[in-house]
Amino acid sequence: MPVTATRLLIIMDLFAALNGLVAKIERWWIREIEVPANPDFDDIDLTEADYSAAMSGRMVFLGLMMKLAAGDDDEVAKWHEKIAELTKKR
């Protein structure tokens, strides 16, 4: 295996660890700060599954960056189309 490929694997491992840490922090923030402070959620009983599925913009962006760095161009193209579609609606 070339040195560059080994280096890429290490970087992807660190990137995945960073993504996991950011997800944990962001979900804590959503659960402990965002939802309690937002009156729109006062009458909604959220489950653990709801909190586990919650994604911040930062989490979506990092996930997209990971897919791009891993070479998943098809998935990136799908997200690009979705974002372009949402942007047109505004």
PDB file of N, CA and C in Angstrom:
ATOM      1  N   MET A   1       0.855  -1.182   0.000  1.00  0.00           N
ATOM      2  CA  MET A   1       0.000   0.000   0.000  1.00  0.00           C
ATOM      3  C   MET A   1       0.896   1.240   0.000  1.00  0.00           C
ATOM      4  N   PRO A   2       0.626   2.199  -0.885  1.00  0.00           N
ATOM      5  CA  PRO A   2       1.437   3.419  -0.913  1.00  0.00           C
ATOM      6  C   PRO A   2       1.278   4.224   0.378  1.00  0.00           C
ATOM      7  N   VAL A   3       2.251   5.018   0.666  1.00  0.00           N
ATOM      8  CA  VAL A   3       2.222   5.847   1.874  1.00  0.00           C
ATOM      9  C   VAL A   3       1.013   6.770   1.867  1.00  0.00           C
ATOM     10  N   THR A   4       0.677   7.327   0.710  1.00  0.00           N
ATOM     11  CA  THR A   4      -0.459   8.254   0.647  1.00  0.00           C
ATOM     12  C   THR A   4      -1.762   7.545   0.985  1.00  0.00           C
ATOM     13  N   ALA A   5      -1.932   6.298   0.549  1.00  0.00           N
ATOM     14  CA  ALA A   5      -3.150   5.551   0.868  1.00  0.00           C
ATOM     15  C   ALA A   5      -3.231   5.286   2.365  1.00  0.00           C
ATOM     16  N   THR A   6      -2.113   4.936   2.983  1.00  0.00           N
ATOM     17  CA  THR A   6      -2.089   4.714   4.427  1.00  0.00           C
ATOM     18  C   THR A   6      -2.438   6.001   5.153  1.00  0.00           C
ATOM     19  N   ARG A   7      -1.872   7.088   4.706  1.00  0.00           N
ATOM     20  CA  ARG A   7      -2.160   8.380   5.333  1.00  0.00           C
ATOM     21  C   ARG A   7      -3.632   8.730   5.195  1.00  0.00           C
ATOM     22  N   LEU A   8      -4.225   8.441   4.040  1.00  0.00           N
ATOM     23  CA  LEU A   8      -5.646   8.712   3.831  1.00  0.00           C
ATOM     24  C   LEU A   8      -6.505   7.898   4.788  1.00  0.00           C
ATOM     25  N   LEU A   9      -6.159   6.637   4.995  1.00  0.00           N
ATOM     26  CA  LEU A   9      -6.911   5.807   5.928  1.00  0.00           C
ATOM     27  C   LEU A   9      -6.861   6.374   7.335  1.00  0.00           C
ATOM     28  N   ILE A  10      -5.700   6.837   7.752  1.00  0.00           N
ATOM     29  CA  ILE A  10      -5.576   7.416   9.085  1.00  0.00           C
ATOM     30  C   ILE A  10      -6.409   8.684   9.178  1.00  0.00           C
ATOM     31  N   ILE A  11      -6.347   9.502   8.162  1.00  0.00           N
ATOM     32  CA  ILE A  11      -7.126  10.739   8.177  1.00  0.00           C
ATOM     33  C   ILE A  11      -8.620  10.430   8.201  1.00  0.00           C
ATOM     34  N   MET A  12      -9.063   9.445   7.429  1.00  0.00           N
ATOM     35  CA  MET A  12     -10.487   9.092   7.425  1.00  0.00           C
ATOM     36  C   MET A  12     -10.919   8.561   8.796  1.00  0.00           C
ATOM     37  N   ASP A  13     -10.041   7.803   9.457  1.00  0.00           N
ATOM     38  CA  ASP A  13     -10.363   7.331  10.805  1.00  0.00           C
ATOM     39  C   ASP A  13     -10.525   8.507  11.769  1.00  0.00           C
ATOM     40  N   LEU A  14      -9.637   9.459  11.679  1.00  0.00           N
ATOM     41  CA  LEU A  14      -9.731  10.642  12.542  1.00  0.00           C
ATOM     42  C   LEU A  14     -10.963  11.470  12.181  1.00  0.00           C
ATOM     43  N   PHE A  15     -11.247  11.577  10.899  1.00  0.00           N
ATOM     44  CA  PHE A  15     -12.412  12.324  10.443  1.00  0.00           C
ATOM     45  C   PHE A  15     -13.692  11.662  10.950  1.00  0.00           C
ATOM     46  N   ALA A  16     -13.747  10.346  10.908  1.00  0.00           N
ATOM     47  CA  ALA A  16     -14.915   9.622  11.418  1.00  0.00           C
ATOM     48  C   ALA A  16     -15.060   9.837  12.928  1.00  0.00           C
ATOM     49  N   ALA A  17     -13.938   9.835  13.646  1.00  0.00           N
ATOM     50  CA  ALA A  17     -13.979  10.075  15.091  1.00  0.00           C
ATOM     51  C   ALA A  17     -14.460  11.494  15.382  1.00  0.00           C
ATOM     52  N   LEU A  18     -13.980  12.444  14.606  1.00  0.00           N
ATOM     53  CA  LEU A  18     -14.420  13.832  14.764  1.00  0.00           C
ATOM     54  C   LEU A  18     -15.914  13.951  14.491  1.00  0.00           C
ATOM     55  N   ASN A  19     -16.380  13.299  13.437  1.00  0.00           N
ATOM     56  CA  ASN A  19     -17.793  13.335  13.095  1.00  0.00           C
ATOM     57  C   ASN A  19     -18.640  12.749  14.234  1.00  0.00           C
ATOM     58  N   GLY A  20     -18.184  11.652  14.817  1.00  0.00           N
ATOM     59  CA  GLY A  20     -18.902  11.052  15.939  1.00  0.00           C
ATOM     60  C   GLY A  20     -18.947  11.957  17.152  1.00  0.00           C
ATOM     61  N   LEU A  21     -17.843  12.622  17.442  1.00  0.00           N
ATOM     62  CA  LEU A  21     -17.792  13.545  18.575  1.00  0.00           C
ATOM     63  C   LEU A  21     -18.712  14.748  18.351  1.00  0.00           C
ATOM     64  N   VAL A  22     -18.662  15.300  17.159  1.00  0.00           N
ATOM     65  CA  VAL A  22     -19.540  16.442  16.837  1.00  0.00           C
ATOM     66  C   VAL A  22     -21.004  16.020  16.946  1.00  0.00           C
ATOM     67  N   ALA A  23     -21.333  14.839  16.453  1.00  0.00           N
ATOM     68  CA  ALA A  23     -22.719  14.348  16.526  1.00  0.00           C
ATOM     69  C   ALA A  23     -23.168  14.225  17.981  1.00  0.00           C
ATOM     70  N   LYS A  24     -22.298  13.705  18.828  1.00  0.00           N
ATOM     71  CA  LYS A  24     -22.638  13.553  20.246  1.00  0.00           C
ATOM     72  C   LYS A  24     -22.880  14.917  20.906  1.00  0.00           C
ATOM     73  N   ILE A  25     -22.014  15.869  20.624  1.00  0.00           N
ATOM     74  CA  ILE A  25     -22.161  17.216  21.189  1.00  0.00           C
ATOM     75  C   ILE A  25     -23.421  17.889  20.657  1.00  0.00           C
ATOM     76  N   GLU A  26     -23.632  17.789  19.355  1.00  0.00           N
ATOM     77  CA  GLU A  26     -24.799  18.433  18.737  1.00  0.00           C
ATOM     78  C   GLU A  26     -26.100  17.843  19.258  1.00  0.00           C
ATOM     79  N   ARG A  27     -26.165  16.518  19.411  1.00  0.00           N
ATOM     80  CA  ARG A  27     -27.400  15.900  19.923  1.00  0.00           C
ATOM     81  C   ARG A  27     -27.632  16.299  21.380  1.00  0.00           C
ATOM     82  N   TRP A  28     -26.565  16.424  22.151  1.00  0.00           N
ATOM     83  CA  TRP A  28     -26.710  16.898  23.533  1.00  0.00           C
ATOM     84  C   TRP A  28     -27.274  18.325  23.509  1.00  0.00           C
ATOM     85  N   TRP A  29     -26.714  19.169  22.642  1.00  0.00           N
ATOM     86  CA  TRP A  29     -27.164  20.559  22.556  1.00  0.00           C
ATOM     87  C   TRP A  29     -28.643  20.621  22.176  1.00  0.00           C
ATOM     88  N   ILE A  30     -29.046  19.823  21.204  1.00  0.00           N
ATOM     89  CA  ILE A  30     -30.449  19.807  20.778  1.00  0.00           C
ATOM     90  C   ILE A  30     -31.344  19.377  21.928  1.00  0.00           C
ATOM     91  N   ARG A  31     -30.933  18.291  22.632  1.00  0.00           N
ATOM     92  CA  ARG A  31     -31.755  17.754  23.720  1.00  0.00           C
ATOM     93  C   ARG A  31     -31.828  18.697  24.925  1.00  0.00           C
ATOM     94  N   GLU A  32     -30.699  19.253  25.306  1.00  0.00           N
ATOM     95  CA  GLU A  32     -30.627  20.010  26.558  1.00  0.00           C
ATOM     96  C   GLU A  32     -30.855  21.518  26.405  1.00  0.00           C
ATOM     97  N   ILE A  33     -30.623  22.083  25.233  1.00  0.00           N
ATOM     98  CA  ILE A  33     -30.717  23.524  25.056  1.00  0.00           C
ATOM     99  C   ILE A  33     -31.803  23.913  24.047  1.00  0.00           C
ATOM    100  N   GLU A  34     -31.695  23.398  22.841  1.00  0.00           N
ATOM    101  CA  GLU A  34     -32.598  23.818  21.757  1.00  0.00           C
ATOM    102  C   GLU A  34     -34.057  23.476  22.044  1.00  0.00           C
ATOM    103  N   VAL A  35     -34.330  22.216  22.343  1.00  0.00           N
ATOM    104  CA  VAL A  35     -35.722  21.795  22.548  1.00  0.00           C
ATOM    105  C   VAL A  35     -36.339  22.446  23.784  1.00  0.00           C
ATOM    106  N   PRO A  36     -35.677  22.435  24.946  1.00  0.00           N
ATOM    107  CA  PRO A  36     -36.296  23.085  26.112  1.00  0.00           C
ATOM    108  C   PRO A  36     -36.502  24.593  25.941  1.00  0.00           C
ATOM    109  N   ALA A  37     -35.660  25.240  25.164  1.00  0.00           N
ATOM    110  CA  ALA A  37     -35.768  26.693  24.993  1.00  0.00           C
ATOM    111  C   ALA A  37     -36.762  27.085  23.908  1.00  0.00           C
ATOM    112  N   ASN A  38     -37.211  26.137  23.105  1.00  0.00           N
ATOM    113  CA  ASN A  38     -38.096  26.447  21.988  1.00  0.00           C
ATOM    114  C   ASN A  38     -39.539  26.105  22.360  1.00  0.00           C
ATOM    115  N   PRO A  39     -40.418  27.112  22.477  1.00  0.00           N
ATOM    116  CA  PRO A  39     -41.805  26.844  22.871  1.00  0.00           C
ATOM    117  C   PRO A  39     -42.576  25.999  21.854  1.00  0.00           C
ATOM    118  N   ASP A  40     -42.085  25.867  20.639  1.00  0.00           N
ATOM    119  CA  ASP A  40     -42.750  25.027  19.641  1.00  0.00           C
ATOM    120  C   ASP A  40     -42.767  23.558  20.069  1.00  0.00           C
ATOM    121  N   PHE A  41     -41.868  23.167  20.961  1.00  0.00           N
ATOM    122  CA  PHE A  41     -41.783  21.782  21.403  1.00  0.00           C
ATOM    123  C   PHE A  41     -42.487  21.536  22.734  1.00  0.00           C
ATOM    124  N   ASP A  42     -43.168  22.531  23.292  1.00  0.00           N
ATOM    125  CA  ASP A  42     -43.798  22.390  24.602  1.00  0.00           C
ATOM    126  C   ASP A  42     -44.838  21.277  24.640  1.00  0.00           C
ATOM    127  N   ASP A  43     -45.622  21.131  23.590  1.00  0.00           N
ATOM    128  CA  ASP A  43     -46.704  20.151  23.582  1.00  0.00           C
ATOM    129  C   ASP A  43     -46.333  18.857  22.864  1.00  0.00           C
ATOM    130  N   ILE A  44     -45.066  18.679  22.554  1.00  0.00           N
ATOM    131  CA  ILE A  44     -44.611  17.499  21.832  1.00  0.00           C
ATOM    132  C   ILE A  44     -43.786  16.633  22.770  1.00  0.00           C
ATOM    133  N   ASP A  45     -44.151  15.357  22.843  1.00  0.00           N
ATOM    134  CA  ASP A  45     -43.418  14.420  23.692  1.00  0.00           C
ATOM    135  C   ASP A  45     -42.417  13.667  22.812  1.00  0.00           C
ATOM    136  N   LEU A  46     -41.161  14.097  22.831  1.00  0.00           N
ATOM    137  CA  LEU A  46     -40.134  13.497  21.999  1.00  0.00           C
ATOM    138  C   LEU A  46     -39.582  12.229  22.639  1.00  0.00           C
ATOM    139  N   THR A  47     -39.331  11.236  21.806  1.00  0.00           N
ATOM    140  CA  THR A  47     -38.795   9.967  22.289  1.00  0.00           C
ATOM    141  C   THR A  47     -37.278   9.932  22.108  1.00  0.00           C
ATOM    142  N   GLU A  48     -36.670   8.908  22.646  1.00  0.00           N
ATOM    143  CA  GLU A  48     -35.227   8.724  22.475  1.00  0.00           C
ATOM    144  C   GLU A  48     -34.895   8.572  20.994  1.00  0.00           C
ATOM    145  N   ALA A  49     -35.764   7.912  20.244  1.00  0.00           N
ATOM    146  CA  ALA A  49     -35.545   7.738  18.795  1.00  0.00           C
ATOM    147  C   ALA A  49     -35.558   9.090  18.080  1.00  0.00           C
ATOM    148  N   ASP A  50     -36.416  10.003  18.530  1.00  0.00           N
ATOM    149  CA  ASP A  50     -36.455  11.343  17.935  1.00  0.00           C
ATOM    150  C   ASP A  50     -35.128  12.062  18.142  1.00  0.00           C
ATOM    151  N   TYR A  51     -34.607  11.982  19.352  1.00  0.00           N
ATOM    152  CA  TYR A  51     -33.335  12.637  19.644  1.00  0.00           C
ATOM    153  C   TYR A  51     -32.179  11.967  18.905  1.00  0.00           C
ATOM    154  N   SER A  52     -32.226  10.650  18.768  1.00  0.00           N
ATOM    155  CA  SER A  52     -31.167   9.932  18.057  1.00  0.00           C
ATOM    156  C   SER A  52     -31.161  10.263  16.573  1.00  0.00           C
ATOM    157  N   ALA A  53     -32.334  10.567  16.024  1.00  0.00           N
ATOM    158  CA  ALA A  53     -32.441  10.885  14.602  1.00  0.00           C
ATOM    159  C   ALA A  53     -32.197  12.366  14.311  1.00  0.00           C
ATOM    160  N   ALA A  54     -32.153  13.184  15.350  1.00  0.00           N
ATOM    161  CA  ALA A  54     -31.961  14.627  15.156  1.00  0.00           C
ATOM    162  C   ALA A  54     -30.605  14.913  14.532  1.00  0.00           C
ATOM    163  N   MET A  55     -30.606  15.837  13.587  1.00  0.00           N
ATOM    164  CA  MET A  55     -29.351  16.215  12.935  1.00  0.00           C
ATOM    165  C   MET A  55     -29.291  17.726  12.795  1.00  0.00           C
ATOM    166  N   SER A  56     -28.181  18.275  13.200  1.00  0.00           N
ATOM    167  CA  SER A  56     -27.966  19.708  13.022  1.00  0.00           C
ATOM    168  C   SER A  56     -27.389  19.944  11.630  1.00  0.00           C
ATOM    169  N   GLY A  57     -27.370  21.178  11.221  1.00  0.00           N
ATOM    170  CA  GLY A  57     -26.764  21.522   9.942  1.00  0.00           C
ATOM    171  C   GLY A  57     -25.296  21.145   9.903  1.00  0.00           C
ATOM    172  N   ARG A  58     -24.621  21.316  11.028  1.00  0.00           N
ATOM    173  CA  ARG A  58     -23.207  20.958  11.110  1.00  0.00           C
ATOM    174  C   ARG A  58     -23.018  19.459  10.896  1.00  0.00           C
ATOM    175  N   MET A  59     -23.913  18.642  11.449  1.00  0.00           N
ATOM    176  CA  MET A  59     -23.816  17.195  11.297  1.00  0.00           C
ATOM    177  C   MET A  59     -24.044  16.786   9.834  1.00  0.00           C
ATOM    178  N   VAL A  60     -25.005  17.416   9.191  1.00  0.00           N
ATOM    179  CA  VAL A  60     -25.277  17.119   7.785  1.00  0.00           C
ATOM    180  C   VAL A  60     -24.065  17.483   6.940  1.00  0.00           C
ATOM    181  N   PHE A  61     -23.501  18.657   7.196  1.00  0.00           N
ATOM    182  CA  PHE A  61     -22.348  19.116   6.433  1.00  0.00           C
ATOM    183  C   PHE A  61     -21.149  18.193   6.621  1.00  0.00           C
ATOM    184  N   LEU A  62     -20.844  17.811   7.862  1.00  0.00           N
ATOM    185  CA  LEU A  62     -19.715  16.909   8.105  1.00  0.00           C
ATOM    186  C   LEU A  62     -19.945  15.540   7.475  1.00  0.00           C
ATOM    187  N   GLY A  63     -21.170  15.053   7.525  1.00  0.00           N
ATOM    188  CA  GLY A  63     -21.481  13.776   6.891  1.00  0.00           C
ATOM    189  C   GLY A  63     -21.269  13.841   5.386  1.00  0.00           C
ATOM    190  N   LEU A  64     -21.665  14.953   4.799  1.00  0.00           N
ATOM    191  CA  LEU A  64     -21.462  15.152   3.368  1.00  0.00           C
ATOM    192  C   LEU A  64     -19.979  15.243   3.040  1.00  0.00           C
ATOM    193  N   MET A  65     -19.218  15.929   3.873  1.00  0.00           N
ATOM    194  CA  MET A  65     -17.772  16.018   3.664  1.00  0.00           C
ATOM    195  C   MET A  65     -17.112  14.651   3.761  1.00  0.00           C
ATOM    196  N   MET A  66     -17.580  13.818   4.696  1.00  0.00           N
ATOM    197  CA  MET A  66     -17.017  12.476   4.821  1.00  0.00           C
ATOM    198  C   MET A  66     -17.285  11.653   3.571  1.00  0.00           C
ATOM    199  N   LYS A  67     -18.495  11.751   3.048  1.00  0.00           N
ATOM    200  CA  LYS A  67     -18.826  11.004   1.832  1.00  0.00           C
ATOM    201  C   LYS A  67     -17.979  11.487   0.661  1.00  0.00           C
ATOM    202  N   LEU A  68     -17.785  12.779   0.579  1.00  0.00           N
ATOM    203  CA  LEU A  68     -16.967  13.334  -0.492  1.00  0.00           C
ATOM    204  C   LEU A  68     -15.510  12.880  -0.354  1.00  0.00           C
ATOM    205  N   ALA A  69     -14.982  12.932   0.862  1.00  0.00           N
ATOM    206  CA  ALA A  69     -13.599  12.521   1.095  1.00  0.00           C
ATOM    207  C   ALA A  69     -13.403  11.027   0.837  1.00  0.00           C
ATOM    208  N   ALA A  70     -14.461  10.246   1.080  1.00  0.00           N
ATOM    209  CA  ALA A  70     -14.371   8.800   0.863  1.00  0.00           C
ATOM    210  C   ALA A  70     -14.562   8.432  -0.606  1.00  0.00           C
ATOM    211  N   GLY A  71     -14.943   9.424  -1.425  1.00  0.00           N
ATOM    212  CA  GLY A  71     -15.106   9.164  -2.853  1.00  0.00           C
ATOM    213  C   GLY A  71     -16.494   8.730  -3.251  1.00  0.00           C
ATOM    214  N   ASP A  72     -17.494   8.950  -2.396  1.00  0.00           N
ATOM    215  CA  ASP A  72     -18.874   8.568  -2.705  1.00  0.00           C
ATOM    216  C   ASP A  72     -19.545   9.686  -3.500  1.00  0.00           C
ATOM    217  N   ASP A  73     -19.158   9.821  -4.759  1.00  0.00           N
ATOM    218  CA  ASP A  73     -19.640  10.920  -5.595  1.00  0.00           C
ATOM    219  C   ASP A  73     -21.132  10.837  -5.882  1.00  0.00           C
ATOM    220  N   ASP A  74     -21.689   9.627  -5.966  1.00  0.00           N
ATOM    221  CA  ASP A  74     -23.122   9.482  -6.237  1.00  0.00           C
ATOM    222  C   ASP A  74     -23.955  10.074  -5.108  1.00  0.00           C
ATOM    223  N   GLU A  75     -23.569   9.773  -3.879  1.00  0.00           N
ATOM    224  CA  GLU A  75     -24.294  10.305  -2.720  1.00  0.00           C
ATOM    225  C   GLU A  75     -24.163  11.825  -2.652  1.00  0.00           C
ATOM    226  N   VAL A  76     -22.979  12.336  -2.939  1.00  0.00           N
ATOM    227  CA  VAL A  76     -22.765  13.779  -2.930  1.00  0.00           C
ATOM    228  C   VAL A  76     -23.627  14.447  -3.991  1.00  0.00           C
ATOM    229  N   ALA A  77     -23.744  13.834  -5.163  1.00  0.00           N
ATOM    230  CA  ALA A  77     -24.572  14.394  -6.240  1.00  0.00           C
ATOM    231  C   ALA A  77     -26.040  14.434  -5.824  1.00  0.00           C
ATOM    232  N   LYS A  78     -26.511  13.394  -5.124  1.00  0.00           N
ATOM    233  CA  LYS A  78     -27.902  13.377  -4.642  1.00  0.00           C
ATOM    234  C   LYS A  78     -28.149  14.533  -3.679  1.00  0.00           C
ATOM    235  N   TRP A  79     -27.204  14.738  -2.732  1.00  0.00           N
ATOM    236  CA  TRP A  79     -27.354  15.828  -1.771  1.00  0.00           C
ATOM    237  C   TRP A  79     -27.305  17.182  -2.474  1.00  0.00           C
ATOM    238  N   HIS A  80     -26.447  17.308  -3.468  1.00  0.00           N
ATOM    239  CA  HIS A  80     -26.346  18.565  -4.211  1.00  0.00           C
ATOM    240  C   HIS A  80     -27.682  18.875  -4.878  1.00  0.00           C
ATOM    241  N   GLU A  81     -28.306  17.875  -5.467  1.00  0.00           N
ATOM    242  CA  GLU A  81     -29.610  18.072  -6.108  1.00  0.00           C
ATOM    243  C   GLU A  81     -30.671  18.477  -5.085  1.00  0.00           C
ATOM    244  N   LYS A  82     -30.677  17.822  -3.929  1.00  0.00           N
ATOM    245  CA  LYS A  82     -31.646  18.157  -2.887  1.00  0.00           C
ATOM    246  C   LYS A  82     -31.461  19.590  -2.403  1.00  0.00           C
ATOM    247  N   ILE A  83     -30.220  19.975  -2.181  1.00  0.00           N
ATOM    248  CA  ILE A  83     -29.941  21.346  -1.709  1.00  0.00           C
ATOM    249  C   ILE A  83     -30.347  22.363  -2.769  1.00  0.00           C
ATOM    250  N   ALA A  84     -30.037  22.088  -4.017  1.00  0.00           N
ATOM    251  CA  ALA A  84     -30.423  22.998  -5.103  1.00  0.00           C
ATOM    252  C   ALA A  84     -31.949  23.116  -5.199  1.00  0.00           C
ATOM    253  N   GLU A  85     -32.637  22.000  -5.006  1.00  0.00           N
ATOM    254  CA  GLU A  85     -34.095  22.001  -5.033  1.00  0.00           C
ATOM    255  C   GLU A  85     -34.673  22.841  -3.906  1.00  0.00           C
ATOM    256  N   LEU A  86     -34.131  22.678  -2.708  1.00  0.00           N
ATOM    257  CA  LEU A  86     -34.608  23.452  -1.561  1.00  0.00           C
ATOM    258  C   LEU A  86     -34.312  24.945  -1.728  1.00  0.00           C
ATOM    259  N   THR A  87     -33.178  25.256  -2.318  1.00  0.00           N
ATOM    260  CA  THR A  87     -32.801  26.646  -2.530  1.00  0.00           C
ATOM    261  C   THR A  87     -33.745  27.327  -3.528  1.00  0.00           C
ATOM    262  N   LYS A  88     -34.186  26.597  -4.529  1.00  0.00           N
ATOM    263  CA  LYS A  88     -35.107  27.146  -5.526  1.00  0.00           C
ATOM    264  C   LYS A  88     -36.463  27.473  -4.917  1.00  0.00           C
ATOM    265  N   LYS A  89     -36.878  26.711  -3.900  1.00  0.00           N
ATOM    266  CA  LYS A  89     -38.194  26.911  -3.285  1.00  0.00           C
ATOM    267  C   LYS A  89     -38.263  28.203  -2.487  1.00  0.00           C
ATOM    268  N   ARG A  90     -37.130  28.731  -2.097  1.00  0.00           N
ATOM    269  CA  ARG A  90     -37.125  29.948  -1.278  1.00  0.00           C
ATOM    270  C   ARG A  90     -37.306  31.103  -2.146  1.00  0.00           C
TER     271      ARG A  90
END
